Every structure is written in C-alpha cells, then in structure tokens.
C-alpha cells in the first residue's frame, strides 16, 4: 500500500493580530530560504500573488503551469502548489490575509471575491508591457511603506494594494474577455456573483451526486443562463466545471489522506468504486491507483 504524506499547511501570522498580515518579498531569496518546503506540495491559509519575471513553471492543483515572462499568478487560500526547482523562480511575492483587507474596509472589493481569487478558471495572466511600470512602482511604494512603522501605515498600504488589485483585475478582464454568446448587455457584477455562488454550491455538494438543474434552481437562475455565464467566463459548461472540481477534490484526497479508493469514491457521491475509477480516468487519463502511485514521495 502506498504511504501518502499529508500536505503541509502554512499560515501568515496565525492568531497574531499585532501584525499587518501583509508581506512583500523578492521571490528568489524566499525560495532559497524555504526551498526544502517550497518544492513539495503544500497549501496556505492566506492569499498569494506571484509575479514571475522570467518564464517559469509552477505546480498548481496537480498540474504544471508553463508561465511566460512577466506573469501574475493568483493563488486562492488552500490551493495546493509548489515551486519547480529547475525554474529560475525570480520575481516578487505578495502574501496577505482576509484580516488585512477586512480590517481596513467593511467589505472586500467584489473583484477580489469574484474574479481574482475564486479558484475559477485560469490562475494566471501575462502582464501587458504598458502595465508593468505601474505595477512595479506600486510594489516599490508598498515595500517602502513596509520598511518601518509610520503614521497611517496600514491605511496607506491598503490603498496602494487596492490600486495594485484594480490594475491586476483590469489585466485579467482584458485577458479573459467573455465569449460573445448572449452576454452583451448582461450585468457583469451579477455574473460574478452567480459564478461565486455556483462555485460555493458545488463545493458544498461534492460529497453527493450534483445536478445542474438542482443547482440552477438553488441559485434562482435558469440552467441556460448558468451555462451562458460559465461558458463565457470559464469556457466550461456547468457540468464540465462540476466534473473538473470533483476530479480535483479526488486528487487532493488521493494525495493527502490514507483513505482507500473505495472510501474516496463513496465520499464523493459514487455508488460504486468502479464508477469513480471510470470518471477519474476520463478526467485525468489515469486511474486513481495510477495517480496515487505517480505522486512524489
């Protein structure tokens, strides 16, 4: 039987509210300092933005992402990832918690909840040449603020970081222009809310068979409208997103628990382990047993 090591989870200033819960660090020194942990699958209880300067590879949710030069990657809380040791891993890292944002504002901006850090679709975007100086300047200003405590430091950092997020959201929006399938004139903000609610509802039902019709009814949106929204922004039908999310949860359970394949199958709403194996192979081209055997030691 394959022994599966639990995936480690790391925190940012856990339960220490005297800290800012916000950090910016050069990527390469961070990688070299923490290399032993960085090159193994792990997760964070905080958000992470990675700006890769040269082309790099990065492992996210059990897939190697091939990133071009000047790429921004947005990692949601608890996403599994690691640094590929053969990559240059040069750039900047931004770490922050909900506490940093909510301590400064009543509610986090919608673009943060619904678009940048929602675990939906692609997790990275290439920075257009005209945006690089602005983002670099904001990084420099934020690092300067972090240099030493000063008057209204938290407030200044919050506003600088908010500007950084707005620019990042513009880049993501431009890169992710919705497909023109019945979307003209639609309310984008409402679309994001539907996407976010759809994701949450899917997460809550991973342990049972999931019906698109039932989810649509729960969200008070027609199946056709839900399909238009998911295909516009995620380039997936609702059923495809549900299947990919179930497959990802299966990967996490296979890699992070000692549960048998049969137990994982039942835990994900499959009546028989054979149905789960067929589903998993269709999604990943590997059987659960083959996937578990291929995991790094």
Protein backbone atom coordinates (compact mmCIF):
# COMPACT_ATOMS: atom_id res chain seq x y z
CA UNK A 1 0.00 0.00 0.00
CA UNK A 2 1.33 3.46 -0.94
CA UNK A 3 2.07 5.70 2.02
CA UNK A 4 0.70 9.18 1.43
CA UNK A 5 2.21 12.06 3.37
CA UNK A 6 -0.22 14.78 4.50
CA UNK A 7 0.11 18.01 2.57
CA UNK A 8 1.51 20.68 4.86
CA UNK A 9 -0.40 23.89 5.50
CA UNK A 10 1.30 27.20 6.27
CA UNK A 11 -0.07 30.36 7.88
CA UNK A 12 0.68 34.06 7.88
CA UNK A 13 0.97 35.50 11.43
CA UNK A 14 -1.59 32.97 12.70
CA UNK A 15 -3.66 34.47 15.55
CA UNK A 16 -1.15 37.32 15.97
CA UNK A 17 -3.21 40.43 15.27
CA UNK A 18 -0.40 42.78 16.20
CA UNK A 19 0.99 42.05 12.72
CA UNK A 20 -0.12 43.58 9.42
CA UNK A 21 -0.92 40.21 7.83
CA UNK A 22 0.60 41.58 4.64
CA UNK A 23 4.06 40.84 3.19
CA UNK A 24 6.00 41.51 0.00
CA UNK A 25 9.23 39.63 -0.66
CA UNK A 26 11.58 39.03 -3.60
CA UNK A 27 10.83 35.55 -4.89
CA UNK A 28 14.32 34.09 -5.34
CA UNK A 29 15.65 34.78 -1.81
CA UNK A 30 12.34 33.49 -0.40
CA UNK A 31 12.64 30.33 -2.49
CA UNK A 32 16.26 29.73 -1.46
CA UNK A 33 15.45 30.28 2.22
CA UNK A 34 12.45 27.91 2.21
CA UNK A 35 13.46 25.60 -0.63
CA UNK A 36 13.06 22.41 1.41
CA UNK A 37 9.35 23.21 1.84
CA UNK A 38 8.75 25.20 -1.37
CA UNK A 39 9.47 22.29 -3.71
CA UNK A 40 6.93 19.99 -2.03
CA UNK A 41 3.15 20.22 -2.46
CA UNK A 42 1.73 22.50 0.22
CA UNK A 43 -1.06 24.95 0.84
CA UNK A 44 -1.57 28.30 2.59
CA UNK A 45 -4.37 29.68 4.72
CA UNK A 46 -3.70 33.07 3.08
CA UNK A 47 -3.82 34.55 -0.42
CA UNK A 48 -0.71 34.70 -2.58
CA UNK A 49 0.20 36.75 -5.66
CA UNK A 50 3.30 35.68 -7.57
CA UNK A 51 4.90 37.88 -10.22
CA UNK A 52 7.28 35.74 -12.25
CA UNK A 53 9.85 37.88 -14.09
CA UNK A 54 11.39 35.27 -16.46
CA UNK A 55 9.47 32.32 -17.92
CA UNK A 56 8.88 29.67 -15.25
CA UNK A 57 7.00 26.51 -14.45
CA UNK A 58 4.83 26.29 -11.34
CA UNK A 59 2.81 23.40 -9.95
CA UNK A 60 -0.81 24.28 -9.08
CA UNK A 61 -3.58 21.82 -8.21
CA UNK A 62 -1.62 18.84 -9.54
CA UNK A 63 -0.73 20.38 -12.90
CA UNK A 64 2.46 22.07 -14.11
CA UNK A 65 1.63 25.54 -15.41
CA UNK A 66 4.01 26.84 -18.10
CA UNK A 67 4.25 30.57 -17.47
CA UNK A 68 5.63 33.16 -19.84
CA UNK A 69 7.79 36.08 -18.75
CA UNK A 70 6.06 38.74 -16.61
CA UNK A 71 3.17 36.60 -15.46
CA UNK A 72 0.94 37.29 -12.47
CA UNK A 73 -0.39 34.22 -10.66
CA UNK A 74 -3.23 34.42 -8.15
CA UNK A 75 -3.45 31.60 -5.60
CA UNK A 76 -6.59 31.31 -3.55
CA UNK A 77 -6.49 30.14 0.04
CA UNK A 78 -5.78 26.40 0.39
CA UNK A 79 -4.83 25.84 -3.26
CA UNK A 80 -2.12 23.19 -3.47
CA UNK A 81 1.05 24.31 -5.21
CA UNK A 82 4.84 24.17 -5.21
CA UNK A 83 7.83 25.80 -6.89
CA UNK A 84 9.53 23.77 -9.61
CA UNK A 85 13.21 23.56 -8.55
CA UNK A 86 14.50 23.68 -12.13
CA UNK A 87 12.83 27.07 -12.79
CA UNK A 88 14.56 30.38 -12.11
CA UNK A 89 11.80 31.41 -9.68
CA UNK A 90 12.68 35.09 -9.88
CA UNK A 91 10.13 37.81 -9.22
CA UNK A 92 8.01 39.11 -6.34
CA UNK A 93 5.67 37.51 -3.81
CA UNK A 94 2.72 39.16 -2.06
CA UNK A 95 1.11 37.37 0.89
CA UNK A 96 -1.97 38.66 2.68
CA UNK A 97 -4.90 37.54 4.80
CA UNK A 98 -8.56 38.45 4.89
CA UNK A 99 -7.74 40.28 8.11
CA UNK A 100 -5.60 42.82 6.25
CA UNK A 101 -8.43 43.71 3.88
CA UNK A 102 -11.41 43.50 6.21
CA UNK A 103 -9.60 45.41 8.94
CA UNK A 104 -9.49 48.40 6.58
CA UNK A 105 -12.86 48.14 4.85
CA UNK A 106 -16.34 46.86 5.64
CA UNK A 107 -16.28 44.52 2.67
CA UNK A 108 -13.55 43.29 0.34
CA UNK A 109 -13.92 44.54 -3.23
CA UNK A 110 -16.11 42.35 -5.41
CA UNK A 111 -13.34 41.85 -7.95
CA UNK A 112 -11.28 40.19 -5.21
CA UNK A 113 -14.03 37.78 -4.19
CA UNK A 114 -15.46 37.04 -7.58
CA UNK A 115 -12.62 37.31 -10.06
CA UNK A 116 -9.04 37.38 -8.84
CA UNK A 117 -9.09 34.77 -6.07
CA UNK A 118 -12.01 32.48 -6.73
CA UNK A 119 -10.30 29.30 -7.89
CA UNK A 120 -12.29 29.50 -11.12
CA UNK A 121 -10.64 29.12 -14.49
CA UNK A 122 -7.05 30.15 -15.22
CA UNK A 123 -4.98 31.27 -12.23
CA UNK A 124 -2.50 33.45 -14.12
CA UNK A 125 -2.24 36.25 -16.67
CA UNK A 126 0.57 37.82 -18.69
CA UNK A 127 1.20 41.46 -17.76
CA UNK A 128 0.95 43.77 -20.79
CA UNK A 129 4.06 45.85 -21.35
CA UNK A 130 2.24 49.12 -20.64
CA UNK A 131 1.11 47.87 -17.20
CA UNK A 132 4.49 46.69 -15.92
CA UNK A 133 5.88 50.10 -14.85
CA UNK A 134 2.72 50.92 -12.89
CA UNK A 135 2.69 47.59 -11.05
CA UNK A 136 6.43 47.82 -10.38
CA UNK A 137 6.03 51.33 -8.97
CA UNK A 138 3.24 50.17 -6.65
CA UNK A 139 5.40 47.27 -5.47
CA UNK A 140 8.23 49.71 -4.75
CA UNK A 141 5.93 52.07 -2.84
CA UNK A 142 4.46 49.22 -0.77
CA UNK A 143 7.90 47.84 0.07
CA UNK A 144 8.93 51.33 1.14
CA UNK A 145 5.92 51.54 3.46
CA UNK A 146 6.77 48.15 4.94
CA UNK A 147 10.31 49.29 5.70
CA UNK A 148 9.46 50.74 9.10
CA UNK A 149 6.34 51.59 11.14
CA UNK A 150 4.95 55.03 10.40
CA UNK A 151 1.80 57.15 10.67
CA UNK A 152 -1.24 55.59 8.94
CA UNK A 153 0.90 52.76 7.60
CA UNK A 154 -1.95 50.24 7.35
CA UNK A 155 -4.20 52.73 5.60
CA UNK A 156 -1.51 53.68 3.10
CA UNK A 157 -0.69 50.04 2.35
CA UNK A 158 -4.37 49.20 1.92
CA UNK A 159 -4.89 51.95 -0.64
CA UNK A 160 -1.70 51.15 -2.53
CA UNK A 161 -2.58 47.47 -2.58
CA UNK A 162 -6.14 48.23 -3.68
CA UNK A 163 -4.67 50.11 -6.65
CA UNK A 164 -2.47 47.11 -7.41
CA UNK A 165 -5.52 44.81 -7.34
CA UNK A 166 -7.50 47.11 -9.63
CA UNK A 167 -4.69 47.03 -12.19
CA UNK A 168 -4.45 43.25 -11.83
CA UNK A 169 -8.19 42.93 -12.33
CA UNK A 170 -8.01 45.07 -15.48
CA UNK A 171 -5.32 42.74 -16.84
CA UNK A 172 -7.40 39.68 -16.02
CA UNK A 173 -10.51 41.23 -17.54
CA UNK A 174 -8.68 42.09 -20.75
CA UNK A 175 -7.16 38.61 -20.94
CA UNK A 176 -10.48 36.97 -20.15
CA UNK A 177 -12.92 38.84 -22.34
CA UNK A 178 -16.19 36.90 -22.16
CA UNK A 179 -17.17 34.95 -25.22
CA UNK A 180 -19.90 36.74 -27.10
CA UNK A 181 -22.63 34.15 -26.51
CA UNK A 182 -25.70 36.09 -25.43
CA UNK A 183 -23.64 38.15 -22.96
CA UNK A 184 -23.98 41.63 -24.41
CA UNK A 185 -25.86 43.90 -22.08
CA UNK A 186 -25.55 41.48 -19.18
CA UNK A 187 -24.61 42.70 -15.71
CA UNK A 188 -21.01 41.57 -15.21
CA UNK A 189 -21.13 42.14 -11.46
CA UNK A 190 -24.20 39.92 -11.22
CA UNK A 191 -22.47 37.32 -13.41
CA UNK A 192 -19.56 37.22 -10.96
CA UNK A 193 -21.97 36.75 -8.07
CA UNK A 194 -23.66 33.87 -9.86
CA UNK A 195 -20.26 32.29 -10.61
CA UNK A 196 -19.17 32.67 -7.00
CA UNK A 197 -22.46 31.22 -5.70
CA UNK A 198 -22.24 28.38 -8.23
CA UNK A 199 -18.72 27.57 -7.04
CA UNK A 200 -19.79 27.63 -3.39
CA UNK A 201 -22.82 25.44 -4.05
CA UNK A 202 -20.65 22.95 -5.95
CA UNK A 203 -18.15 22.86 -3.06
CA UNK A 204 -20.93 22.15 -0.58
CA UNK A 205 -22.26 19.23 -2.62
CA UNK A 206 -19.03 17.45 -3.53
CA UNK A 207 -19.97 14.51 -1.32
CA UNK A 208 -23.12 13.75 -3.33
CA UNK A 209 -24.25 13.48 -6.95
CA UNK A 210 -24.65 17.02 -8.33
CA UNK A 211 -27.44 18.01 -10.70
CA UNK A 212 -27.04 21.17 -12.79
CA UNK A 213 -30.83 21.60 -12.78
CA UNK A 214 -30.98 21.44 -8.98
CA UNK A 215 -28.08 23.88 -8.61
CA UNK A 216 -29.74 26.29 -11.05
CA UNK A 217 -32.94 26.16 -9.04
CA UNK A 218 -30.99 26.73 -5.81
CA UNK A 219 -29.27 29.76 -7.36
CA UNK A 220 -32.56 31.08 -8.77
CA UNK A 221 -31.15 31.19 -12.29
CA UNK A 222 -32.13 29.17 -15.34
CA UNK A 223 -29.90 26.31 -16.48
CA UNK A 224 -29.50 28.10 -19.82
CA UNK A 225 -28.37 31.35 -18.14
CA UNK A 226 -25.97 29.48 -15.87
CA UNK A 227 -24.49 27.72 -18.89
CA UNK A 228 -24.07 31.04 -20.72
CA UNK A 229 -22.24 32.54 -17.74
CA UNK A 230 -19.90 29.60 -17.12
CA UNK A 231 -19.06 29.23 -20.81
CA UNK A 232 -18.49 32.98 -21.12
CA UNK A 233 -16.08 33.32 -18.20
CA UNK A 234 -14.74 29.80 -17.58
CA UNK A 235 -15.00 28.32 -21.08
CA UNK A 236 -16.71 25.33 -19.46
CA UNK A 237 -20.30 24.16 -19.19
CA UNK A 238 -21.66 23.82 -15.63
CA UNK A 239 -21.37 20.03 -15.92
CA UNK A 240 -17.75 20.29 -17.05
CA UNK A 241 -16.88 22.59 -14.15
CA UNK A 242 -18.55 20.24 -11.65
CA UNK A 243 -16.67 17.26 -13.09
CA UNK A 244 -13.32 19.10 -13.00
CA UNK A 245 -13.94 20.20 -9.42
CA UNK A 246 -14.84 16.65 -8.34
CA UNK A 247 -11.70 15.37 -10.04
CA UNK A 248 -9.59 17.96 -8.24
CA UNK A 249 -11.10 17.01 -4.88
CA UNK A 250 -10.40 13.37 -5.69
CA UNK A 251 -6.76 14.24 -6.42
CA UNK A 252 -6.49 16.07 -3.11
CA UNK A 253 -7.96 13.13 -1.19
CA UNK A 254 -5.77 10.62 -3.00
CA UNK A 255 -2.65 12.66 -2.25
CA UNK A 256 -3.43 13.86 1.25
CA UNK A 257 -5.24 11.02 3.05
CA UNK A 258 -4.87 7.35 3.83
CA UNK A 259 -8.42 6.69 2.64
CA UNK A 260 -8.90 3.76 0.30
CA UNK A 261 -10.07 4.39 -3.25
CA UNK A 262 -13.41 2.85 -2.33
CA UNK A 263 -13.80 5.22 0.63
CA UNK A 264 -12.94 8.23 -1.54
CA UNK A 265 -15.43 7.10 -4.18
CA UNK A 266 -18.26 6.89 -1.64
CA UNK A 267 -17.19 10.18 -0.06
CA UNK A 268 -17.59 11.90 -3.43
CA UNK A 269 -21.07 10.52 -4.07
CA UNK A 270 -20.29 7.49 -6.25
CA UNK A 271 -22.31 4.34 -5.53
CA UNK A 272 -19.52 2.07 -6.69
CA UNK A 273 -15.75 2.43 -6.83
CA UNK A 274 -15.78 1.25 -10.46
CA UNK A 275 -17.91 4.26 -11.47
CA UNK A 276 -15.48 6.55 -9.68
CA UNK A 277 -12.48 4.93 -11.41
CA UNK A 278 -14.12 5.39 -14.85
CA UNK A 279 -14.96 9.02 -14.02
CA UNK A 280 -11.44 9.78 -12.72
CA UNK A 281 -9.73 8.20 -15.73
CA UNK A 282 -11.95 10.17 -18.11
CA UNK A 283 -10.97 13.40 -16.35
CA UNK A 284 -7.26 12.72 -15.81
CA UNK A 285 -6.29 9.85 -18.17
CA UNK A 286 -5.08 7.94 -15.08
CA UNK A 287 -6.82 5.55 -12.74
CA UNK A 288 -6.88 6.60 -9.07
CA UNK A 289 -4.33 3.90 -8.33
CA UNK A 290 -2.01 5.13 -11.11
CA UNK A 291 -2.37 8.73 -9.93
CA UNK A 292 -1.52 7.84 -6.33
CA UNK A 293 1.48 5.79 -7.44
CA UNK A 294 2.80 8.73 -9.50
CA UNK A 295 2.76 11.17 -6.56
CA UNK A 296 6.15 12.48 -5.36
CA UNK A 297 7.43 10.71 -2.21
